[in-house]
Amino acid sequence: MYIRFVTPRLVREARGVPAGVFRSGMNGAPDWLRAAIRDEYRWFNDNLRVPNRLGIVTRKSNRRYGGVCWFRDDARDCITHAYALSALLNEAGVPVTRIKSDAPGDIVYRDPQQIVAMPRKEGPRRYIN
C-alpha cells in the first residue's frame, strides 16, 4: 500500500493529478505558521532522498512525463511528518487530503521510504528500469 498527501485544488496539468504537499504554497499565512511549515519542509529535506528518477521520456515522441511520488506505508517517520505538515497547511488555508493505493502505476523509482510511479488508467503495476 502507498500513501500520498495531496492538495486537490492544485492540479498538475500534464496528468490531471492533484499536486502533492511539497508543491503547495503558504501565501497569506502568519509568520509563526510559515516558520512551522518551513521546519517540516526542512525535516523532509534532511531525511527524505530526492528520487534520482522522477519520470520517463517516451521513445516515439521524445516527450518527458513526470511521475507521482508516494510514501511506502512502512515509512512511519515520513508519514508522521506528512500528517504534521498537512495539519499546518490546512491551518494556512491549503486543504490537504490523504489518499491510498495499492496500484499507483508503473514504478520508475523506489527506495525504503517512497516510490515514483507513472499513473495508469488500468492494468497491473509494472517496474520500469
N, C-alpha and C. Protein backbone atom coordinates (compact mmCIF):
# COMPACT_ATOMS: atom_id res chain seq x y z
N MET A 1 0.85 -1.17 0.00
CA MET A 1 0.00 0.00 0.00
C MET A 1 0.90 1.24 0.00
N TYR A 2 0.47 2.25 -0.72
CA TYR A 2 1.21 3.50 -0.83
C TYR A 2 0.29 4.65 -0.41
N ILE A 3 0.90 5.69 0.15
CA ILE A 3 0.14 6.81 0.70
C ILE A 3 0.67 8.10 0.11
N ARG A 4 -0.26 8.99 -0.20
CA ARG A 4 0.10 10.28 -0.79
C ARG A 4 -0.74 11.37 -0.13
N PHE A 5 -0.14 12.50 0.13
CA PHE A 5 -0.82 13.65 0.69
C PHE A 5 -0.90 14.70 -0.42
N VAL A 6 -2.11 15.08 -0.79
CA VAL A 6 -2.32 15.94 -1.95
C VAL A 6 -3.12 17.18 -1.58
N THR A 7 -2.97 18.20 -2.41
CA THR A 7 -3.75 19.42 -2.30
C THR A 7 -4.68 19.46 -3.52
N PRO A 8 -5.91 18.99 -3.38
CA PRO A 8 -6.81 18.83 -4.53
C PRO A 8 -7.06 20.07 -5.36
N ARG A 9 -6.89 21.24 -4.77
CA ARG A 9 -7.16 22.45 -5.57
C ARG A 9 -6.00 22.79 -6.50
N LEU A 10 -4.85 22.15 -6.32
CA LEU A 10 -3.71 22.33 -7.22
C LEU A 10 -3.57 21.06 -8.05
N VAL A 11 -3.65 21.18 -9.37
CA VAL A 11 -3.60 20.01 -10.25
C VAL A 11 -2.43 20.16 -11.21
N ARG A 12 -1.64 19.09 -11.33
CA ARG A 12 -0.55 19.08 -12.32
C ARG A 12 -1.16 18.91 -13.69
N GLU A 13 -0.87 19.85 -14.56
CA GLU A 13 -1.52 19.87 -15.87
C GLU A 13 -1.25 18.64 -16.71
N ALA A 14 -0.05 18.12 -16.69
CA ALA A 14 0.34 17.04 -17.60
C ALA A 14 -0.51 15.80 -17.43
N ARG A 15 -0.90 15.46 -16.23
CA ARG A 15 -1.62 14.22 -15.99
C ARG A 15 -2.97 14.41 -15.30
N GLY A 16 -3.28 15.63 -14.92
CA GLY A 16 -4.52 15.86 -14.20
C GLY A 16 -4.50 15.27 -12.80
N VAL A 17 -3.32 15.13 -12.23
CA VAL A 17 -3.14 14.52 -10.91
C VAL A 17 -3.02 15.65 -9.88
N PRO A 18 -3.69 15.51 -8.73
CA PRO A 18 -3.54 16.54 -7.69
C PRO A 18 -2.08 16.67 -7.27
N ALA A 19 -1.66 17.90 -7.01
CA ALA A 19 -0.28 18.16 -6.58
C ALA A 19 -0.08 17.66 -5.16
N GLY A 20 1.14 17.23 -4.87
CA GLY A 20 1.48 16.79 -3.53
C GLY A 20 1.74 17.96 -2.60
N VAL A 21 1.89 17.67 -1.31
CA VAL A 21 2.06 18.73 -0.32
C VAL A 21 3.36 19.50 -0.49
N PHE A 22 4.35 18.94 -1.18
CA PHE A 22 5.60 19.65 -1.35
C PHE A 22 5.50 20.73 -2.41
N ARG A 23 4.40 20.77 -3.13
CA ARG A 23 4.19 21.79 -4.17
C ARG A 23 3.21 22.87 -3.70
N SER A 24 2.74 22.77 -2.50
CA SER A 24 1.75 23.73 -2.02
C SER A 24 2.44 25.00 -1.53
N GLY A 25 1.69 26.07 -1.50
CA GLY A 25 2.23 27.35 -1.06
C GLY A 25 1.75 27.74 0.32
N MET A 26 2.28 28.84 0.81
CA MET A 26 1.90 29.32 2.13
C MET A 26 1.42 30.77 2.06
N ASN A 27 0.95 31.19 0.93
CA ASN A 27 0.57 32.60 0.76
C ASN A 27 -0.45 33.02 1.81
N GLY A 28 -0.17 34.14 2.43
CA GLY A 28 -1.10 34.71 3.39
C GLY A 28 -1.02 34.11 4.79
N ALA A 29 -0.18 33.12 5.03
CA ALA A 29 -0.08 32.51 6.36
C ALA A 29 0.71 33.43 7.28
N PRO A 30 0.34 33.47 8.57
CA PRO A 30 1.12 34.28 9.51
C PRO A 30 2.55 33.74 9.66
N ASP A 31 3.43 34.61 10.13
CA ASP A 31 4.85 34.24 10.23
C ASP A 31 5.09 32.98 11.06
N TRP A 32 4.40 32.83 12.21
CA TRP A 32 4.64 31.67 13.06
C TRP A 32 4.26 30.37 12.32
N LEU A 33 3.21 30.44 11.50
CA LEU A 33 2.77 29.26 10.76
C LEU A 33 3.73 28.96 9.61
N ARG A 34 4.19 30.00 8.94
CA ARG A 34 5.17 29.81 7.86
C ARG A 34 6.44 29.18 8.41
N ALA A 35 6.86 29.60 9.60
CA ALA A 35 8.07 29.04 10.22
C ALA A 35 7.88 27.56 10.54
N ALA A 36 6.72 27.20 11.05
CA ALA A 36 6.45 25.80 11.38
C ALA A 36 6.40 24.94 10.12
N ILE A 37 5.82 25.47 9.05
CA ILE A 37 5.78 24.75 7.77
C ILE A 37 7.18 24.58 7.22
N ARG A 38 7.98 25.63 7.29
CA ARG A 38 9.38 25.54 6.83
C ARG A 38 10.16 24.49 7.62
N ASP A 39 9.88 24.40 8.94
CA ASP A 39 10.55 23.38 9.76
C ASP A 39 10.22 21.96 9.27
N GLU A 40 8.96 21.74 8.91
CA GLU A 40 8.59 20.42 8.38
C GLU A 40 9.24 20.16 7.03
N TYR A 41 9.25 21.17 6.15
CA TYR A 41 9.94 21.01 4.87
C TYR A 41 11.43 20.71 5.10
N ARG A 42 12.04 21.37 6.06
CA ARG A 42 13.44 21.15 6.37
C ARG A 42 13.67 19.70 6.83
N TRP A 43 12.72 19.18 7.65
CA TRP A 43 12.85 17.79 8.09
C TRP A 43 12.88 16.86 6.88
N PHE A 44 11.97 17.08 5.93
CA PHE A 44 11.96 16.24 4.73
C PHE A 44 13.23 16.41 3.91
N ASN A 45 13.73 17.64 3.79
CA ASN A 45 14.99 17.86 3.06
C ASN A 45 16.14 17.08 3.69
N ASP A 46 16.13 16.97 5.01
CA ASP A 46 17.21 16.28 5.72
C ASP A 46 17.02 14.76 5.78
N ASN A 47 15.80 14.27 5.63
CA ASN A 47 15.52 12.86 5.90
C ASN A 47 14.92 12.06 4.76
N LEU A 48 14.60 12.71 3.66
CA LEU A 48 13.98 12.01 2.54
C LEU A 48 14.81 12.25 1.29
N ARG A 49 15.21 11.18 0.65
CA ARG A 49 16.01 11.30 -0.58
C ARG A 49 15.20 11.97 -1.68
N VAL A 50 15.90 12.71 -2.52
CA VAL A 50 15.29 13.21 -3.74
C VAL A 50 15.47 12.08 -4.76
N PRO A 51 14.37 11.57 -5.32
CA PRO A 51 14.49 10.45 -6.27
C PRO A 51 15.39 10.83 -7.44
N ASN A 52 16.22 9.87 -7.85
CA ASN A 52 17.09 10.14 -8.99
C ASN A 52 16.36 9.95 -10.32
N ARG A 53 15.13 9.50 -10.24
CA ARG A 53 14.32 9.36 -11.44
C ARG A 53 12.90 9.82 -11.11
N LEU A 54 12.47 10.87 -11.76
CA LEU A 54 11.16 11.44 -11.47
C LEU A 54 10.17 11.30 -12.63
N GLY A 55 10.53 10.54 -13.64
CA GLY A 55 9.63 10.37 -14.77
C GLY A 55 10.25 9.55 -15.86
N ILE A 56 9.66 9.62 -17.04
CA ILE A 56 10.15 8.88 -18.20
C ILE A 56 10.14 9.79 -19.42
N VAL A 57 10.91 9.42 -20.40
CA VAL A 57 10.90 10.08 -21.70
C VAL A 57 10.44 9.03 -22.71
N THR A 58 9.40 9.33 -23.47
CA THR A 58 8.90 8.35 -24.43
C THR A 58 9.83 8.23 -25.62
N ARG A 59 9.89 7.04 -26.18
CA ARG A 59 10.76 6.80 -27.34
C ARG A 59 10.18 7.41 -28.61
N LYS A 60 8.87 7.30 -28.77
CA LYS A 60 8.26 7.78 -30.02
C LYS A 60 8.35 9.29 -30.17
N SER A 61 7.93 10.02 -29.15
CA SER A 61 7.86 11.48 -29.29
C SER A 61 8.98 12.20 -28.56
N ASN A 62 9.81 11.44 -27.80
CA ASN A 62 10.87 12.03 -27.00
C ASN A 62 10.31 13.04 -26.00
N ARG A 63 9.09 12.79 -25.57
CA ARG A 63 8.40 13.67 -24.64
C ARG A 63 8.59 13.19 -23.21
N ARG A 64 8.78 14.11 -22.28
CA ARG A 64 9.01 13.76 -20.88
C ARG A 64 7.69 13.79 -20.10
N TYR A 65 7.46 12.74 -19.32
CA TYR A 65 6.30 12.67 -18.45
C TYR A 65 6.78 12.55 -17.01
N GLY A 66 6.22 13.38 -16.14
CA GLY A 66 6.60 13.35 -14.73
C GLY A 66 5.84 12.28 -13.97
N GLY A 67 6.53 11.68 -13.03
CA GLY A 67 5.91 10.67 -12.17
C GLY A 67 5.27 11.30 -10.95
N VAL A 68 4.64 10.47 -10.16
CA VAL A 68 3.95 10.90 -8.95
C VAL A 68 4.61 10.20 -7.77
N CYS A 69 4.98 10.96 -6.75
CA CYS A 69 5.66 10.41 -5.58
C CYS A 69 4.64 9.92 -4.54
N TRP A 70 4.93 8.77 -3.97
CA TRP A 70 4.09 8.14 -2.94
C TRP A 70 4.99 7.67 -1.81
N PHE A 71 4.50 7.78 -0.57
CA PHE A 71 5.21 7.18 0.55
C PHE A 71 4.86 5.70 0.61
N ARG A 72 5.84 4.88 0.96
CA ARG A 72 5.55 3.48 1.26
C ARG A 72 4.86 3.45 2.62
N ASP A 73 3.93 2.55 2.82
CA ASP A 73 3.16 2.57 4.07
C ASP A 73 3.98 2.20 5.30
N ASP A 74 5.18 1.69 5.14
CA ASP A 74 6.03 1.39 6.29
C ASP A 74 7.04 2.52 6.58
N ALA A 75 6.95 3.63 5.88
CA ALA A 75 7.82 4.79 6.11
C ALA A 75 7.18 5.66 7.20
N ARG A 76 7.14 5.13 8.41
CA ARG A 76 6.39 5.75 9.52
C ARG A 76 6.83 7.18 9.83
N ASP A 77 8.13 7.42 9.89
CA ASP A 77 8.59 8.79 10.22
C ASP A 77 8.12 9.79 9.17
N CYS A 78 8.26 9.42 7.90
CA CYS A 78 7.82 10.32 6.83
C CYS A 78 6.32 10.57 6.90
N ILE A 79 5.57 9.53 7.15
CA ILE A 79 4.11 9.68 7.21
C ILE A 79 3.70 10.54 8.41
N THR A 80 4.37 10.34 9.55
CA THR A 80 4.08 11.16 10.73
C THR A 80 4.34 12.64 10.43
N HIS A 81 5.46 12.94 9.79
CA HIS A 81 5.77 14.33 9.46
C HIS A 81 4.84 14.86 8.36
N ALA A 82 4.39 13.99 7.46
CA ALA A 82 3.44 14.42 6.43
C ALA A 82 2.10 14.79 7.07
N TYR A 83 1.69 14.05 8.10
CA TYR A 83 0.46 14.43 8.83
C TYR A 83 0.63 15.79 9.50
N ALA A 84 1.80 16.02 10.11
CA ALA A 84 2.06 17.31 10.76
C ALA A 84 2.05 18.43 9.73
N LEU A 85 2.74 18.22 8.61
CA LEU A 85 2.75 19.22 7.54
C LEU A 85 1.34 19.48 7.02
N SER A 86 0.56 18.43 6.87
CA SER A 86 -0.83 18.58 6.39
C SER A 86 -1.66 19.43 7.33
N ALA A 87 -1.51 19.19 8.62
CA ALA A 87 -2.26 19.98 9.61
C ALA A 87 -1.86 21.45 9.53
N LEU A 88 -0.57 21.72 9.38
CA LEU A 88 -0.11 23.10 9.28
C LEU A 88 -0.62 23.76 8.00
N LEU A 89 -0.56 23.04 6.88
CA LEU A 89 -1.05 23.59 5.62
C LEU A 89 -2.56 23.84 5.69
N ASN A 90 -3.30 22.93 6.31
CA ASN A 90 -4.74 23.14 6.50
C ASN A 90 -4.98 24.42 7.30
N GLU A 91 -4.20 24.61 8.34
CA GLU A 91 -4.31 25.82 9.16
C GLU A 91 -4.02 27.07 8.33
N ALA A 92 -3.14 26.94 7.34
CA ALA A 92 -2.78 28.06 6.46
C ALA A 92 -3.78 28.24 5.32
N GLY A 93 -4.83 27.42 5.29
CA GLY A 93 -5.85 27.56 4.27
C GLY A 93 -5.62 26.72 3.03
N VAL A 94 -4.67 25.80 3.09
CA VAL A 94 -4.40 24.90 1.96
C VAL A 94 -4.96 23.53 2.33
N PRO A 95 -6.08 23.12 1.73
CA PRO A 95 -6.65 21.82 2.10
C PRO A 95 -5.75 20.68 1.64
N VAL A 96 -5.58 19.69 2.50
CA VAL A 96 -4.76 18.52 2.19
C VAL A 96 -5.60 17.27 2.42
N THR A 97 -5.50 16.35 1.49
CA THR A 97 -6.22 15.08 1.57
C THR A 97 -5.20 13.95 1.49
N ARG A 98 -5.45 12.89 2.23
CA ARG A 98 -4.59 11.71 2.17
C ARG A 98 -5.28 10.68 1.28
N ILE A 99 -4.52 10.10 0.35
CA ILE A 99 -5.06 9.04 -0.49
C ILE A 99 -4.16 7.82 -0.37
N LYS A 100 -4.75 6.65 -0.61
CA LYS A 100 -4.02 5.38 -0.56
C LYS A 100 -4.25 4.64 -1.86
N SER A 101 -3.26 3.82 -2.23
CA SER A 101 -3.42 2.98 -3.41
C SER A 101 -2.49 1.78 -3.29
N ASP A 102 -2.95 0.65 -3.76
CA ASP A 102 -2.05 -0.50 -3.87
C ASP A 102 -1.57 -0.66 -5.31
N ALA A 103 -2.05 0.18 -6.21
CA ALA A 103 -1.64 0.15 -7.62
C ALA A 103 -1.52 1.58 -8.15
N PRO A 104 -0.48 2.32 -7.73
CA PRO A 104 -0.35 3.72 -8.13
C PRO A 104 0.10 3.93 -9.57
N GLY A 105 0.54 2.86 -10.24
CA GLY A 105 1.00 2.99 -11.62
C GLY A 105 2.30 2.23 -11.83
N ASP A 106 2.96 2.54 -12.91
CA ASP A 106 4.24 1.90 -13.23
C ASP A 106 5.34 2.55 -12.39
N ILE A 107 6.03 1.77 -11.61
CA ILE A 107 7.03 2.29 -10.69
C ILE A 107 8.36 2.48 -11.41
N VAL A 108 8.84 3.73 -11.40
CA VAL A 108 10.10 4.06 -12.07
C VAL A 108 11.23 4.31 -11.08
N TYR A 109 10.90 4.43 -9.80
CA TYR A 109 11.90 4.64 -8.76
C TYR A 109 11.34 4.12 -7.46
N ARG A 110 12.22 3.55 -6.63
CA ARG A 110 11.81 3.15 -5.28
C ARG A 110 13.02 3.18 -4.36
N ASP A 111 12.76 3.52 -3.11
CA ASP A 111 13.76 3.44 -2.06
C ASP A 111 13.01 3.02 -0.79
N PRO A 112 13.66 2.92 0.35
CA PRO A 112 12.96 2.42 1.55
C PRO A 112 11.78 3.26 2.03
N GLN A 113 11.68 4.52 1.60
CA GLN A 113 10.62 5.39 2.09
C GLN A 113 9.56 5.75 1.07
N GLN A 114 9.88 5.64 -0.21
CA GLN A 114 8.98 6.18 -1.23
C GLN A 114 9.13 5.47 -2.56
N ILE A 115 8.16 5.76 -3.44
CA ILE A 115 8.25 5.33 -4.83
C ILE A 115 7.88 6.52 -5.71
N VAL A 116 8.25 6.43 -6.98
CA VAL A 116 7.76 7.34 -8.01
C VAL A 116 7.07 6.46 -9.03
N ALA A 117 5.82 6.77 -9.33
CA ALA A 117 5.04 5.94 -10.25
C ALA A 117 4.45 6.79 -11.36
N MET A 118 4.36 6.19 -12.53
CA MET A 118 3.69 6.81 -13.66
C MET A 118 2.23 6.34 -13.61
N PRO A 119 1.28 7.25 -13.42
CA PRO A 119 -0.12 6.84 -13.30
C PRO A 119 -0.59 6.07 -14.53
N ARG A 120 -1.42 5.05 -14.29
CA ARG A 120 -2.01 4.25 -15.37
C ARG A 120 -3.52 4.27 -15.19
N LYS A 121 -4.21 4.21 -16.29
CA LYS A 121 -5.67 4.17 -16.22
C LYS A 121 -6.17 2.79 -15.82
N GLU A 122 -5.45 1.75 -16.23
CA GLU A 122 -5.87 0.39 -15.89
C GLU A 122 -4.69 -0.55 -16.06
N GLY A 123 -4.86 -1.77 -15.63
CA GLY A 123 -3.83 -2.79 -15.81
C GLY A 123 -2.95 -2.94 -14.58
N PRO A 124 -2.12 -3.98 -14.58
CA PRO A 124 -1.27 -4.26 -13.42
C PRO A 124 -0.10 -3.29 -13.32
N ARG A 125 0.44 -3.19 -12.11
CA ARG A 125 1.60 -2.34 -11.86
C ARG A 125 2.83 -3.02 -12.44
N ARG A 126 3.71 -2.24 -13.05
CA ARG A 126 4.97 -2.76 -13.58
C ARG A 126 6.12 -1.98 -12.96
N TYR A 127 7.31 -2.58 -12.97
CA TYR A 127 8.52 -1.89 -12.55
C TYR A 127 9.32 -1.57 -13.80
N ILE A 128 9.61 -0.30 -14.01
CA ILE A 128 10.33 0.13 -15.20
C ILE A 128 11.74 0.52 -14.79
N ASN A 129 12.72 -0.12 -15.37
CA ASN A 129 14.12 0.19 -15.03
C ASN A 129 14.76 1.04 -16.08
